[in-house]
Protein backbone atom coordinates (compact mmCIF):
# COMPACT_ATOMS: atom_id res chain seq x y z
CA MET A 1 128.23 150.28 160.31
CA PHE A 2 131.61 148.54 158.15
CA PHE A 3 130.31 145.09 159.79
CA LEU A 4 127.08 145.74 158.92
CA LYS A 5 127.79 147.40 155.15
CA ASN A 6 129.78 143.93 154.45
CA LYS A 7 126.74 141.76 156.14
CA ILE A 8 124.81 143.46 153.86
CA GLN A 9 127.27 143.05 150.61
CA VAL A 10 127.51 139.37 151.74
CA CYS A 11 123.84 139.00 151.64
CA SER A 12 122.88 140.81 148.52
CA VAL A 13 125.61 138.83 146.98
CA PHE A 14 124.29 135.40 147.85
CA ILE A 15 120.82 136.55 147.19
CA ILE A 16 121.98 137.18 143.34
CA LEU A 17 123.85 133.94 143.03
CA SER A 18 120.35 132.37 144.70
CA LEU A 19 118.51 133.66 141.90
CA PHE A 20 121.37 133.26 139.08
CA LEU A 21 121.33 129.81 140.06
CA PHE A 22 117.91 129.32 140.41
CA THR A 23 116.74 130.40 137.09
CA GLY A 24 120.12 128.02 135.99
CA CYS A 25 118.58 125.22 136.95
CA SER A 26 114.86 126.48 135.75
CA THR A 27 115.68 126.47 132.27
CA LYS A 28 117.74 123.49 132.67
CA THR A 29 114.71 121.23 133.30
CA LEU A 30 112.46 123.29 131.26
CA GLN A 31 114.84 122.11 128.25
CA GLN A 32 115.23 118.68 129.40
CA GLY A 33 111.43 118.64 129.85
CA GLN A 34 111.25 119.91 126.38
CA LEU A 35 113.81 117.14 124.87
CA GLN A 36 112.08 114.22 127.13
CA SER A 37 108.95 115.45 125.34
CA GLN A 38 110.09 115.13 121.62
CA GLU A 39 111.96 111.82 122.67
CA SER A 40 108.10 110.76 123.76
CA GLN A 41 106.47 111.48 120.42
CA ASP A 42 106.00 108.16 119.43
CA VAL A 43 105.00 107.30 114.94
CA THR A 44 102.78 104.30 114.12
CA ILE A 45 102.71 102.64 110.91
CA LYS A 46 100.02 100.48 110.20
CA MET A 47 99.75 98.22 107.40
CA LEU A 48 95.63 98.25 107.14
CA ASP A 49 93.72 94.36 106.68
CA ILE A 50 92.51 95.41 103.47
CA GLY A 51 92.12 92.26 101.38
CA GLN A 52 94.49 91.94 98.09
CA GLY A 53 95.40 95.53 98.08
CA ASP A 54 97.63 98.14 100.09
CA SER A 55 96.69 100.55 101.93
CA VAL A 56 99.13 101.76 105.07
CA LEU A 57 98.55 104.78 107.61
CA ILE A 58 100.96 106.70 108.92
CA ARG A 59 100.91 109.23 111.80
CA THR A 60 103.15 111.11 112.93
CA SER A 61 103.03 113.93 115.97
CA GLU A 62 102.14 116.51 113.42
CA GLN A 63 100.78 115.02 109.99
CA VAL A 64 98.27 111.80 109.01
CA ILE A 65 99.59 109.76 105.62
CA MET A 66 98.28 107.58 103.59
CA ILE A 67 100.69 105.45 100.98
CA ASP A 68 97.51 103.89 99.23
CA THR A 69 94.28 102.80 99.47
CA GLY A 70 93.28 99.19 98.92
CA ASP A 71 90.56 97.97 95.55
CA VAL A 72 87.53 99.15 94.95
CA ASP A 73 85.77 96.60 96.34
CA GLU A 74 86.90 97.09 99.37
CA ARG A 75 86.50 101.10 99.82
CA GLU A 76 83.65 100.43 102.72
CA ARG A 77 86.24 98.56 104.74
CA LEU A 78 88.66 101.13 104.26
CA MET A 79 86.26 103.79 105.50
CA SER A 80 85.05 101.82 108.31
CA LEU A 81 88.92 101.38 109.19
CA LEU A 82 89.65 104.83 109.32
CA LYS A 83 86.60 105.78 111.48
CA LYS A 84 87.68 103.39 113.73
CA GLU A 85 91.37 104.91 113.92
CA GLY A 86 89.51 108.57 114.43
CA ILE A 87 91.24 109.94 111.77
CA THR A 88 89.01 112.97 110.06
CA THR A 89 91.95 114.63 107.91
CA ILE A 90 95.00 112.60 106.00
CA ASP A 91 97.30 115.73 105.30
CA LYS A 92 99.25 113.36 102.51
CA LEU A 93 98.04 110.90 100.26
CA ILE A 94 100.31 109.06 98.82
CA ILE A 95 99.92 106.43 95.75
CA THR A 96 102.52 104.33 94.89
CA HIS A 97 101.09 102.96 91.03
CA PRO A 98 97.76 103.55 89.68
CA HIS A 99 96.49 99.86 89.97
CA SER A 100 92.99 99.53 91.07
CA ASP A 101 94.02 97.58 94.45
CA HIS A 102 96.31 100.32 95.00
CA ILE A 103 94.37 103.45 93.79
CA GLY A 104 90.95 101.84 94.30
CA GLY A 105 89.90 103.35 97.70
CA ALA A 106 91.04 107.16 97.12
CA TYR A 107 87.49 107.47 96.22
CA ILE A 108 85.84 106.73 99.49
CA LEU A 109 88.99 109.40 100.88
CA PHE A 110 88.12 112.15 98.67
CA LYS A 111 84.40 111.94 99.61
CA GLN A 112 84.47 111.22 103.41
CA PHE A 113 87.59 112.43 104.49
CA ASN A 114 89.69 116.10 104.61
CA VAL A 115 92.50 115.21 101.95
CA LYS A 116 95.05 117.53 101.80
CA ALA A 117 97.51 116.88 99.43
CA VAL A 118 98.36 114.43 96.74
CA TYR A 119 101.31 112.21 95.71
CA ASP A 120 102.10 109.63 92.93
CA ASN A 121 104.85 109.53 90.29
CA GLY A 122 102.88 111.01 87.58
CA GLN A 123 101.97 107.90 85.32
CA THR A 124 98.68 107.96 83.90
CA THR A 125 96.00 105.25 82.93
CA ASN A 126 92.95 105.40 81.08
CA THR A 127 90.92 103.22 83.99
CA LYS A 128 88.06 104.51 85.11
CA THR A 129 89.05 104.68 88.37
CA TYR A 130 92.15 106.58 87.48
CA GLN A 131 89.88 108.96 85.36
CA THR A 132 87.74 109.47 88.90
CA TYR A 133 90.52 109.69 90.92
CA LEU A 134 91.93 112.78 88.76
CA LYS A 135 88.36 114.40 88.96
CA TRP A 136 88.21 114.49 92.43
CA ILE A 137 91.93 116.09 93.19
CA LYS A 138 90.63 118.72 90.47
CA ASP A 139 86.50 119.22 91.50
CA LYS A 140 88.05 119.53 95.17
CA ASN A 141 90.93 121.41 94.25
CA ILE A 142 93.15 119.22 96.04
CA ALA A 143 97.31 119.87 96.11
CA TYR A 144 99.09 117.28 93.97
CA LYS A 145 102.70 116.56 92.82
CA GLN A 146 104.47 114.49 91.06
CA ILE A 147 107.21 112.71 93.12
CA LEU A 148 110.39 110.68 91.86
CA ALA A 149 114.02 109.95 92.93
CA GLY A 150 115.37 112.24 94.62
CA ASP A 151 112.64 114.02 96.39
CA GLN A 152 112.02 114.12 99.72
CA LEU A 153 108.89 114.37 101.59
CA ASP A 154 108.37 116.22 105.15
CA PHE A 155 105.91 113.49 107.59
CA GLY A 156 106.16 116.27 110.67
CA GLY A 157 107.56 115.70 113.66
CA GLY A 158 111.08 114.86 112.58
CA VAL A 159 109.91 112.11 110.22
CA SER A 160 111.06 112.39 106.35
CA PHE A 161 110.16 110.21 103.64
CA ARG A 162 113.24 109.93 100.91
CA VAL A 163 112.02 108.72 97.00
CA PHE A 164 114.13 106.43 95.58
CA SER A 165 111.84 105.21 92.22
CA PRO A 166 111.01 105.55 89.69
CA THR A 167 113.24 108.14 87.79
CA ALA A 168 111.79 110.83 85.28
CA GLN A 169 113.64 108.21 82.73
CA MET A 170 111.10 105.15 83.70
CA ILE A 171 107.84 106.89 83.68
CA LYS A 172 109.00 108.71 80.23
CA ALA A 173 109.38 104.76 79.16
CA ASP A 174 106.43 104.07 79.94
CA GLY A 175 107.02 100.73 81.39
CA ASP A 176 105.65 98.47 83.34
CA LEU A 177 103.00 100.15 86.01
CA ASN A 178 104.41 97.97 88.89
CA ALA A 179 108.41 98.37 88.26
CA ASP A 180 107.58 102.14 87.98
CA SER A 181 106.24 101.76 91.86
CA ILE A 182 107.37 104.51 93.75
CA VAL A 183 109.91 103.35 96.61
CA GLY A 184 110.79 105.40 99.48
CA LYS A 185 112.36 105.66 102.71
CA LEU A 186 110.45 106.68 106.08
CA ILE A 187 113.39 107.66 108.24
CA TYR A 188 112.67 108.63 112.15
CA GLY A 189 116.11 108.92 114.06
CA ASP A 190 117.47 105.34 114.25
CA PHE A 191 114.46 103.83 113.15
CA SER A 192 113.37 103.53 108.99
CA MET A 193 110.62 101.27 106.74
CA LEU A 194 111.17 101.26 102.93
CA PHE A 195 107.98 101.32 101.10
CA THR A 196 107.55 99.20 97.43
CA GLY A 197 104.77 99.54 96.19
CA ASP A 198 104.24 96.49 93.34
CA SER A 199 108.15 97.20 92.45
CA GLU A 200 109.40 94.32 90.33
CA ALA A 201 112.84 92.52 90.21
CA GLU A 202 114.23 94.75 87.56
CA THR A 203 113.30 97.99 89.43
CA GLU A 204 114.94 96.06 92.38
CA LYS A 205 118.41 95.49 90.63
CA GLY A 206 118.71 99.28 89.38
CA LEU A 207 117.59 100.65 92.93
CA LEU A 208 120.92 98.25 94.18
CA LYS A 209 123.04 99.40 91.42
CA THR A 210 122.25 103.45 92.40
CA TYR A 211 121.94 103.34 96.38
CA GLY A 212 123.21 100.19 97.52
CA LYS A 213 124.34 100.41 101.16
CA GLU A 214 121.24 103.38 101.49
CA LEU A 215 118.71 101.02 101.25
CA LYS A 216 119.21 99.37 104.30
CA SER A 217 115.63 99.45 106.43
CA THR A 218 114.61 98.14 109.66
CA ILE A 219 111.70 97.28 108.23
CA LEU A 220 110.34 96.57 104.52
CA LYS A 221 106.88 96.33 103.56
CA VAL A 222 107.66 93.53 101.41
CA PRO A 223 106.98 94.25 97.62
CA HIS A 224 104.12 92.91 95.13
CA HIS A 225 102.18 91.00 97.83
CA GLY A 226 104.85 88.54 98.18
CA SER A 227 105.18 87.96 94.42
CA LYS A 228 108.01 85.47 93.10
CA THR A 229 108.34 88.49 90.97
CA SER A 230 110.06 90.92 93.31
CA SER A 231 112.20 90.15 96.28
CA ASN A 232 115.41 89.55 95.00
CA ARG A 233 117.90 87.92 96.87
CA ASN A 234 120.45 90.23 96.98
CA TYR A 235 118.46 93.25 97.00
CA LEU A 236 117.03 91.69 100.75
CA GLN A 237 120.70 91.78 101.58
CA ALA A 238 121.22 95.05 101.03
CA ILE A 239 117.90 96.30 103.18
CA ALA A 240 118.84 94.00 105.79
CA PRO A 241 115.43 94.04 107.35
CA GLU A 242 114.92 93.09 111.00
CA ALA A 243 110.74 92.22 109.59
CA GLY A 244 108.83 92.25 106.73
CA LEU A 245 105.43 93.19 105.90
CA VAL A 246 102.91 91.44 103.68
CA SER A 247 99.73 93.01 102.69
CA LEU A 248 97.35 90.24 100.79
CA GLY A 249 93.47 88.61 100.98
CA ALA A 250 93.20 85.25 102.47
CA GLY A 251 93.13 82.68 99.15
CA ASN A 252 93.78 85.14 96.74
CA ASP A 253 93.68 84.37 92.71
CA TYR A 254 97.67 85.02 92.52
CA GLY A 255 98.70 82.26 95.05
CA HIS A 256 100.26 85.24 97.28
CA PRO A 257 103.05 84.86 98.74
CA HIS A 258 104.35 82.70 96.42
CA GLN A 259 106.43 79.93 98.29
CA VAL A 260 109.87 80.86 96.45
CA THR A 261 109.32 84.37 97.91
CA LEU A 262 109.32 82.85 101.60
CA ASN A 263 111.70 80.74 101.01
CA LYS A 264 113.89 83.63 100.51
CA TYR A 265 112.91 85.61 103.52
CA ASN A 266 113.42 82.40 105.43
CA ALA A 267 117.27 81.71 104.38
CA LEU A 268 117.76 84.90 105.43
CA ASN A 269 115.90 84.90 109.06
CA ILE A 270 113.72 87.79 108.45
CA LYS A 271 110.64 87.13 110.12
CA LEU A 272 106.91 87.64 108.02
CA TYR A 273 103.84 89.80 109.44
CA ARG A 274 100.85 89.13 107.01
CA THR A 275 98.02 90.33 106.69
CA ASP A 276 96.05 87.34 105.85
CA GLN A 277 96.75 86.03 108.92
CA ASP A 278 97.72 88.43 111.28
CA GLY A 279 94.87 91.06 110.17
CA SER A 280 95.81 94.57 110.55
CA ILE A 281 99.60 95.42 111.66
CA THR A 282 100.94 98.19 113.73
CA VAL A 283 104.50 99.28 113.89
CA THR A 284 105.14 101.80 116.70
CA THR A 285 108.82 103.69 117.14
CA ASP A 286 110.03 106.46 119.29
CA GLY A 287 112.77 106.97 116.74
CA LYS A 288 115.29 104.59 118.84
CA THR A 289 113.30 101.45 119.66
CA TYR A 290 110.48 99.63 117.45
CA ASN A 291 106.92 97.44 118.48
CA ILE A 292 105.13 95.41 116.27
CA GLN A 293 101.79 94.17 116.91
CA LYS A 294 99.24 91.89 115.38
CA GLU A 295 95.52 92.47 115.14
CA LYS A 296 95.36 88.74 115.23
């Protein structure tokens, strides 16, 4: 009996230990599986080939975001590109400034897609395009917010967007629309991309003074379509991007990108991708590494 009792006790302990170890392994495996699933969530950033203007489509694991919408005469092309991407809902629409080559396509977005929220710098103009933009926001009761330096947006899936410019003072001064463009940094793990709108050299100097090394980003959305009025050398050195993306139309009337600007990027060994030559440009990142793919 003593032997049998001990044997039963030993077996009981063995069973309990086995269950404990089995349960522990299952939990660990589940946690690892969850982590692997989270790590495999890629973020895509697509600079759309939209002619002489800006329009960037961002998709995280949770949201669809657009930064700018191209010009009025490219509305149908914008709609076609988005439908090709399977887009039906836009969680956040960010307008960097109210020039027509950035805000012009907003009309078609409001008309054809479900736009949940709109963000801009609060700067106003008297153009018909801008007034139509405001009317659609009001008529469709779309959530609206002004964003300025110091604000931060959540793009979902661990992706954030930190706003560097403009300041409230800049907007109050009612200055140049380009200079007051929204400048913000998308951050996902070790990856980052600086969006610049049409910001000018004077804005860049202010950003450099205020943020310095905080501007450093993996990729740069080249300001103002590669204009000579932007891309200050010291600014580029602070950002230290591994690549730059330029949105512009082939044979545009402005001569963008200006050769003096191209020379700056070449001197700093920053590889440029251009929509006029490469078509839509897609950046894919898992927060650690990234890949850039050209359409053409």
